[in-house]
Amino acid sequence: MLKRIAFVWLILTVCSLNVKAQNGKTGTWGIATVVLPGDSAHKWGGYIELQSRANKLFNQFFYYETKGGISYDLAKNYTALIGGGRYVTYDFNNLDAPPTVVEARMWEQLTVNSFLDRIKLEHRYRAEQRWLNGIYRNRFRYRLNLAVPLNHKKFEPKTFFVSVFDEIFLNNKAPHFERNRFSAALGYQFDKAVTVQAGWLNQYNYTLTSAGDKNNLAITVIYRINRKAAKPNEHMPSTID
């Protein structure tokens, strides 16, 4: 346990030194996920997740989301999921005020994995139904995620890895393009259950009246529930959301 804590502390220290050299727009994302994946004996699975975001490094936390979903393995490396969640945004300049946005969301998604020796690819397609302060909107997302284990050929206990993804957000109303999210991170899989990663996440938002991006230090902890009767199976070290 002490080795795990020391490793996480080292990652956070290195990332913090890097982002402090940038401008004052750097924020913080925290992501904690518990996932029950499908396996050789069970096609059904699920997950729950909590996220929080801060306007600065570990300061001015203004946003949180809670969500979960039920998954079904259609075939090897093909997984469908139905999910839902609640998303709450505050004004970071006045955190005592009521939320500025309260969103309820449902979505349907398909995830396709391709394992090409050391290179692991994930394609994720998602359609969302959103209610922002009671106003309905649609949104469509595609994420391409690449992960490469460094000291092993596949993801297994005691594996260091790098992970890079880009995700585009579209809607059915002009100008259609809404957001792009890019991430590059370093991670470590401690054992069959626990994976941690930390790195840089850039989010670019666009509307007809404004556009801009924000850099963030993103810290992710994933706990994977492994059924006793299942055969060992390699998984992408990525969050469901």
Protein backbone atom coordinates (compact mmCIF):
# COMPACT_ATOMS: atom_id res chain seq x y z
CA MET A 1 0.00 0.00 0.00
CA LEU A 2 2.84 2.42 0.83
CA LYS A 3 4.40 1.77 -2.58
CA ARG A 4 1.06 2.60 -4.24
CA ILE A 5 0.70 5.86 -2.32
CA ALA A 6 4.28 6.86 -3.09
CA PHE A 7 3.80 6.19 -6.80
CA VAL A 8 0.58 8.21 -6.99
CA TRP A 9 2.26 11.06 -5.10
CA LEU A 10 5.16 11.02 -7.58
CA ILE A 11 2.84 11.24 -10.58
CA LEU A 12 0.89 14.14 -9.09
CA THR A 13 4.07 16.01 -8.17
CA VAL A 14 5.55 15.72 -11.67
CA CYS A 15 2.29 16.73 -13.36
CA SER A 16 1.82 19.68 -11.00
CA LEU A 17 5.29 20.99 -11.78
CA ASN A 18 4.54 20.83 -15.48
CA VAL A 19 1.16 22.54 -15.42
CA LYS A 20 2.26 25.33 -13.06
CA ALA A 21 4.56 26.54 -15.80
CA GLN A 22 1.53 27.24 -17.96
CA ASN A 23 -0.97 30.04 -17.62
CA GLY A 24 -3.41 30.52 -14.76
CA LYS A 25 -6.25 28.81 -16.66
CA THR A 26 -5.08 25.35 -15.60
CA GLY A 27 -7.77 23.45 -13.70
CA THR A 28 -8.13 20.04 -12.07
CA TRP A 29 -10.23 17.01 -12.97
CA GLY A 30 -10.75 14.13 -10.60
CA ILE A 31 -12.33 10.89 -11.85
CA ALA A 32 -13.15 7.80 -9.76
CA THR A 33 -14.71 4.77 -11.48
CA VAL A 34 -15.87 1.38 -10.25
CA VAL A 35 -16.53 -1.01 -13.14
CA LEU A 36 -17.89 -4.54 -13.36
CA PRO A 37 -16.91 -5.65 -16.88
CA GLY A 38 -18.33 -8.50 -18.86
CA ASP A 39 -16.10 -11.56 -19.01
CA SER A 40 -15.83 -15.10 -20.36
CA ALA A 41 -18.76 -16.29 -18.26
CA HIS A 42 -20.95 -13.17 -18.05
CA LYS A 43 -22.05 -10.80 -20.80
CA TRP A 44 -23.71 -8.28 -18.48
CA GLY A 45 -21.73 -5.65 -16.60
CA GLY A 46 -21.99 -2.12 -15.29
CA TYR A 47 -20.24 0.82 -13.71
CA ILE A 48 -20.62 3.84 -11.44
CA GLU A 49 -18.51 6.99 -11.62
CA LEU A 50 -17.93 10.27 -9.80
CA GLN A 51 -16.17 13.27 -11.33
CA SER A 52 -15.25 16.66 -9.93
CA ARG A 53 -13.63 19.68 -11.58
CA ALA A 54 -11.87 22.76 -10.26
CA ASN A 55 -11.12 26.07 -11.95
CA LYS A 56 -7.59 26.05 -10.52
CA LEU A 57 -5.14 23.42 -9.32
CA PHE A 58 -6.98 21.72 -6.45
CA ASN A 59 -8.89 24.96 -5.79
CA GLN A 60 -12.29 26.45 -6.69
CA PHE A 61 -14.11 23.15 -7.22
CA PHE A 62 -17.21 24.17 -9.16
CA TYR A 63 -18.55 21.04 -10.87
CA TYR A 64 -19.44 17.44 -10.11
CA GLU A 65 -21.19 14.60 -11.87
CA THR A 66 -22.52 11.24 -10.74
CA LYS A 67 -23.46 8.58 -13.23
CA GLY A 68 -23.68 4.91 -13.99
CA GLY A 69 -24.73 2.41 -16.59
CA ILE A 70 -25.42 -1.19 -17.59
CA SER A 71 -23.30 -2.87 -20.26
CA TYR A 72 -23.66 -5.95 -22.44
CA ASP A 73 -20.90 -7.69 -24.42
CA LEU A 74 -22.29 -8.19 -27.91
CA ALA A 75 -19.19 -10.11 -28.98
CA LYS A 76 -15.49 -10.20 -28.20
CA ASN A 77 -14.26 -6.56 -28.09
CA TYR A 78 -17.78 -5.17 -28.78
CA THR A 79 -19.68 -3.72 -25.81
CA ALA A 80 -22.98 -1.82 -25.73
CA LEU A 81 -23.97 0.36 -22.78
CA ILE A 82 -26.96 2.40 -21.59
CA GLY A 83 -26.20 5.04 -18.98
CA GLY A 84 -27.53 8.04 -17.12
CA GLY A 85 -26.30 10.70 -14.76
CA ARG A 86 -26.64 14.06 -13.02
CA TYR A 87 -24.29 16.97 -13.75
CA VAL A 88 -24.12 20.10 -11.59
CA THR A 89 -22.20 23.32 -12.34
CA TYR A 90 -21.60 26.24 -9.96
CA ASP A 91 -20.14 29.71 -10.50
CA PHE A 92 -16.58 29.33 -9.16
CA ASN A 93 -16.59 33.03 -8.28
CA ASN A 94 -19.58 32.50 -5.99
CA LEU A 95 -19.67 28.91 -4.79
CA ASP A 96 -22.29 29.71 -2.14
CA ALA A 97 -24.86 30.59 -4.82
CA PRO A 98 -27.25 27.97 -6.27
CA PRO A 99 -26.02 25.94 -9.28
CA THR A 100 -25.97 27.70 -12.62
CA VAL A 101 -26.67 24.47 -14.54
CA VAL A 102 -28.28 21.22 -13.42
CA GLU A 103 -28.28 18.59 -16.14
CA ALA A 104 -29.88 15.17 -16.39
CA ARG A 105 -28.52 12.93 -19.10
CA MET A 106 -29.09 9.55 -20.73
CA TRP A 107 -27.01 7.93 -23.43
CA GLU A 108 -26.47 4.85 -25.57
CA GLN A 109 -23.00 3.84 -26.70
CA LEU A 110 -20.98 1.20 -28.51
CA THR A 111 -17.33 0.52 -27.69
CA VAL A 112 -15.06 -1.39 -30.06
CA ASN A 113 -11.57 -2.49 -28.99
CA SER A 114 -8.68 -3.50 -31.24
CA PHE A 115 -5.56 -5.03 -29.73
CA LEU A 116 -2.65 -4.80 -32.18
CA ASP A 117 0.26 -6.33 -30.27
CA ARG A 118 1.38 -3.55 -27.87
CA ILE A 119 -0.91 -0.94 -29.42
CA LYS A 120 -4.41 -0.99 -27.94
CA LEU A 121 -7.15 1.02 -29.66
CA GLU A 122 -10.64 1.87 -28.45
CA HIS A 123 -13.38 3.39 -30.61
CA ARG A 124 -16.36 4.73 -28.66
CA TYR A 125 -19.59 5.95 -30.30
CA ARG A 126 -22.23 7.68 -28.16
CA ALA A 127 -25.65 9.34 -28.60
CA GLU A 128 -26.82 11.51 -25.68
CA GLN A 129 -30.18 12.88 -24.59
CA ARG A 130 -29.68 15.90 -22.30
CA TRP A 131 -31.91 18.11 -20.15
CA LEU A 132 -30.04 21.30 -19.16
CA ASN A 133 -32.12 23.25 -16.65
CA GLY A 134 -35.12 21.51 -18.18
CA ILE A 135 -34.22 22.33 -21.82
CA TYR A 136 -33.80 19.26 -24.05
CA ARG A 137 -30.79 18.81 -26.35
CA ASN A 138 -29.16 16.01 -28.34
CA ARG A 139 -25.45 15.37 -28.65
CA PHE A 140 -23.23 12.85 -30.45
CA ARG A 141 -19.70 11.88 -29.43
CA TYR A 142 -16.84 9.87 -30.88
CA ARG A 143 -13.67 9.02 -28.92
CA LEU A 144 -10.52 7.39 -30.26
CA ASN A 145 -8.34 6.14 -27.42
CA LEU A 146 -4.83 4.71 -27.78
CA ALA A 147 -2.99 2.97 -24.93
CA VAL A 148 0.45 1.39 -24.99
CA PRO A 149 1.86 -0.73 -22.12
CA LEU A 150 5.54 0.06 -21.55
CA ASN A 151 7.10 -2.73 -19.51
CA HIS A 152 4.81 -5.57 -20.64
CA LYS A 153 3.23 -6.52 -23.96
CA LYS A 154 -0.26 -6.41 -22.51
CA PHE A 155 -2.11 -4.87 -19.58
CA GLU A 156 -1.54 -6.93 -16.47
CA PRO A 157 -0.53 -6.26 -12.85
CA LYS A 158 2.50 -3.95 -12.40
CA THR A 159 2.21 -2.40 -15.86
CA PHE A 160 3.24 1.16 -16.72
CA PHE A 161 1.47 2.63 -19.75
CA VAL A 162 0.80 5.77 -21.75
CA SER A 163 -2.70 6.72 -22.85
CA VAL A 164 -3.78 9.28 -25.45
CA PHE A 165 -7.30 10.04 -26.63
CA ASP A 166 -9.20 12.61 -28.64
CA GLU A 167 -12.97 13.02 -28.49
CA ILE A 168 -15.21 15.18 -30.67
CA PHE A 169 -18.68 16.41 -29.56
CA LEU A 170 -21.37 17.23 -32.14
CA ASN A 171 -25.03 18.20 -31.97
CA ASN A 172 -27.93 18.30 -34.41
CA LYS A 173 -28.15 22.11 -34.53
CA ALA A 174 -25.85 24.64 -36.22
CA PRO A 175 -22.92 25.05 -35.90
CA HIS A 176 -22.99 21.31 -35.03
CA PHE A 177 -19.43 21.23 -33.68
CA GLU A 178 -19.56 21.80 -29.92
CA ARG A 179 -16.40 20.56 -28.23
CA ASN A 180 -13.11 18.73 -28.59
CA ARG A 181 -11.36 16.97 -25.72
CA PHE A 182 -7.74 15.78 -25.90
CA SER A 183 -5.79 13.92 -23.21
CA ALA A 184 -2.28 12.51 -22.76
CA ALA A 185 -1.52 10.61 -19.55
CA LEU A 186 0.88 8.27 -17.79
CA GLY A 187 -0.61 5.39 -15.83
CA TYR A 188 0.09 2.32 -13.76
CA GLN A 189 -1.94 -0.85 -13.27
CA PHE A 190 -1.19 -2.06 -9.75
CA ASP A 191 -3.04 -5.37 -9.87
CA LYS A 192 -6.16 -6.91 -11.43
CA ALA A 193 -8.36 -4.32 -9.73
CA VAL A 194 -6.65 -0.92 -9.39
CA THR A 195 -5.41 1.38 -12.16
CA VAL A 196 -4.28 4.99 -11.71
CA GLN A 197 -3.31 7.57 -14.30
CA ALA A 198 -2.56 11.28 -14.36
CA GLY A 199 -1.80 13.72 -17.16
CA TRP A 200 -2.83 16.68 -19.28
CA LEU A 201 -6.38 17.18 -20.54
CA ASN A 202 -7.34 20.03 -22.87
CA GLN A 203 -11.00 20.88 -23.52
CA TYR A 204 -11.97 23.26 -26.33
CA ASN A 205 -15.54 24.60 -26.36
CA TYR A 206 -17.21 26.38 -29.26
CA THR A 207 -20.49 28.29 -29.68
CA LEU A 208 -21.71 30.92 -32.15
CA THR A 209 -20.83 33.66 -29.68
CA SER A 210 -17.66 32.40 -27.99
CA ALA A 211 -14.83 29.87 -28.15
CA GLY A 212 -11.94 28.89 -25.92
CA ASP A 213 -10.03 26.08 -24.33
CA LYS A 214 -8.86 25.10 -20.86
CA ASN A 215 -5.92 22.96 -19.74
CA ASN A 216 -6.38 20.62 -16.81
CA LEU A 217 -4.46 18.21 -14.62
CA ALA A 218 -6.56 15.04 -14.84
CA ILE A 219 -6.29 12.32 -12.19
CA THR A 220 -8.12 9.03 -12.72
CA VAL A 221 -8.57 6.05 -10.42
CA ILE A 222 -10.30 2.92 -11.74
CA TYR A 223 -11.35 -0.03 -9.60
CA ARG A 224 -12.28 -3.11 -11.60
CA ILE A 225 -14.38 -5.85 -10.01
CA ASN A 226 -13.17 -9.27 -11.17
CA ARG A 227 -15.51 -12.23 -10.91
CA LYS A 228 -13.88 -15.35 -9.49
CA ALA A 229 -15.14 -17.73 -12.18
CA ALA A 230 -13.94 -15.61 -15.10
CA LYS A 231 -10.83 -16.26 -17.17
CA PRO A 232 -8.22 -13.44 -17.15
CA ASN A 233 -9.05 -10.88 -19.81
CA GLU A 234 -7.12 -7.83 -21.02
CA HIS A 235 -8.95 -4.51 -20.62
CA MET A 236 -8.32 -1.00 -21.87
CA PRO A 237 -7.27 1.25 -18.94
CA SER A 238 -9.85 3.90 -19.81
CA THR A 239 -12.85 5.40 -18.07
CA ILE A 240 -16.34 4.55 -19.26
CA ASP A 241 -17.11 8.27 -19.64
